[in-house]
Amino acid sequence: MKKPELVDAIIRSTDMSKKDATAALDTVIDHIIASVARGEEVAVSGLGKFKRADRKARVGRNPQTGEAVQIKATSVPKFLPAKEFKEVVSGKRQPPVVS
C-alpha cells in the first residue's frame, strides 16, 4: 500500500475529504519524523515505536576491492513493531476489520 492508497483508506473509514485526509496523514508523518530526528521516541499503541539509533564510526570493506574504508558515525531511524502487530503478521491474531 502506497500513500495515495492509504489516504483513500482513510477516506473510506471516515467522512473526511481527500484534502483533509491527506493533510492529517502528512501531519502525523511530519510529527513522527521531527520527533525522531530530535531523539525522541514515538510510540503508537498497537503499531510500534519509532526511535533514533546512533551508529558508531567503524571500519568497513569496499566489496569490489576489499579495501578497508572508514565509515563515519551516523544516526538512523529504527522501528520496533508492537506485540499485537507482530502477532497479526505471524497469523497468531486476526487482523483488524477495515472498510
Protein backbone atom coordinates (compact mmCIF):
# COMPACT_ATOMS: atom_id res chain seq x y z
CA MET A 1 0.00 0.00 0.00
CA LYS A 2 1.34 3.39 -1.00
CA LYS A 3 0.48 6.80 0.44
CA PRO A 4 -2.39 7.58 -2.01
CA GLU A 5 -3.95 4.21 -1.23
CA LEU A 6 -3.61 4.90 2.49
CA VAL A 7 -5.31 8.28 2.02
CA ASP A 8 -8.14 6.53 0.15
CA ALA A 9 -8.48 4.04 3.03
CA ILE A 10 -8.74 6.94 5.50
CA ILE A 11 -11.45 8.50 3.33
CA ARG A 12 -13.42 5.22 3.23
CA SER A 13 -13.18 4.80 7.02
CA THR A 14 -14.11 8.39 7.88
CA ASP A 15 -16.16 11.22 6.44
CA MET A 16 -13.03 13.28 5.68
CA SER A 17 -12.42 14.94 2.36
CA LYS A 18 -9.38 13.86 0.34
CA LYS A 19 -7.69 17.17 1.17
CA ASP A 20 -8.30 16.73 4.92
CA ALA A 21 -7.25 13.06 4.92
CA THR A 22 -4.03 13.91 3.08
CA ALA A 23 -3.32 16.79 5.46
CA ALA A 24 -3.95 14.58 8.51
CA LEU A 25 -1.66 11.82 7.25
CA ASP A 26 1.05 14.33 6.28
CA THR A 27 0.84 15.94 9.73
CA VAL A 28 1.23 12.59 11.52
CA ILE A 29 4.20 11.64 9.34
CA ASP A 30 5.84 15.07 9.78
CA HIS A 31 5.49 14.91 13.58
CA ILE A 32 6.94 11.39 13.74
CA ILE A 33 9.92 12.40 11.58
CA ALA A 34 10.59 15.63 13.53
CA SER A 35 10.31 13.89 16.91
CA VAL A 36 12.62 11.02 15.96
CA ALA A 37 15.12 13.49 14.46
CA ARG A 38 15.22 15.26 17.85
CA GLY A 39 16.00 11.94 19.52
CA GLU A 40 12.52 11.41 20.95
CA GLU A 41 10.77 8.06 20.86
CA VAL A 42 7.31 7.95 19.25
CA ALA A 43 5.10 5.08 20.40
CA VAL A 44 1.87 4.28 18.57
CA SER A 45 -0.21 1.80 20.53
CA GLY A 46 -0.75 -1.43 18.60
CA LEU A 47 1.70 -0.42 15.86
CA GLY A 48 5.12 0.08 17.44
CA LYS A 49 7.84 2.53 18.37
CA PHE A 50 9.81 4.83 16.12
CA LYS A 51 13.17 5.93 17.50
CA ARG A 52 16.63 7.11 16.55
CA ALA A 53 19.53 4.68 16.67
CA ASP A 54 23.06 6.07 16.80
CA ARG A 55 25.71 4.09 14.95
CA LYS A 56 29.35 4.47 15.96
CA ALA A 57 32.14 5.05 13.46
CA ARG A 58 33.56 1.79 12.18
CA VAL A 59 35.74 0.20 9.54
CA GLY A 60 34.02 -1.45 6.58
CA ARG A 61 35.20 -3.07 3.37
CA ASN A 62 34.76 -1.97 -0.22
CA PRO A 63 33.05 -5.02 -1.78
CA GLN A 64 34.77 -4.52 -5.15
CA THR A 65 38.34 -4.08 -3.95
CA GLY A 66 38.30 -5.46 -0.40
CA GLU A 67 39.97 -2.23 0.72
CA ALA A 68 39.27 -1.04 4.29
CA VAL A 69 37.02 2.03 4.37
CA GLN A 70 36.32 4.28 7.37
CA ILE A 71 32.55 4.68 7.91
CA LYS A 72 31.50 7.80 9.84
CA ALA A 73 29.22 7.78 12.88
CA THR A 74 25.59 8.43 11.96
CA SER A 75 22.04 8.32 13.24
CA VAL A 76 19.36 6.22 11.56
CA PRO A 77 15.62 5.74 12.15
CA LYS A 78 14.55 2.49 13.78
CA PHE A 79 11.12 0.89 14.05
CA LEU A 80 10.22 -1.68 16.71
CA PRO A 81 6.86 -3.35 15.98
CA ALA A 82 4.37 -3.78 18.82
CA LYS A 83 3.48 -7.25 20.07
CA GLU A 84 -0.02 -7.01 18.57
CA PHE A 85 1.39 -6.05 15.16
CA LYS A 86 3.82 -8.99 15.18
CA GLU A 87 1.03 -11.39 16.18
CA VAL A 88 -1.21 -10.26 13.30
CA VAL A 89 1.62 -10.56 10.77
CA SER A 90 2.59 -14.02 12.04
CA GLY A 91 -1.01 -15.24 11.91
CA LYS A 92 -1.44 -15.71 15.67
CA ARG A 93 -4.10 -12.99 15.78
CA GLN A 94 -6.80 -11.86 13.37
CA PRO A 95 -6.17 -8.55 11.59
CA PRO A 96 -8.46 -5.64 12.41
CA VAL A 97 -11.59 -5.33 10.29
CA VAL A 98 -11.28 -2.33 7.98
CA SER A 99 -13.73 -0.96 5.48
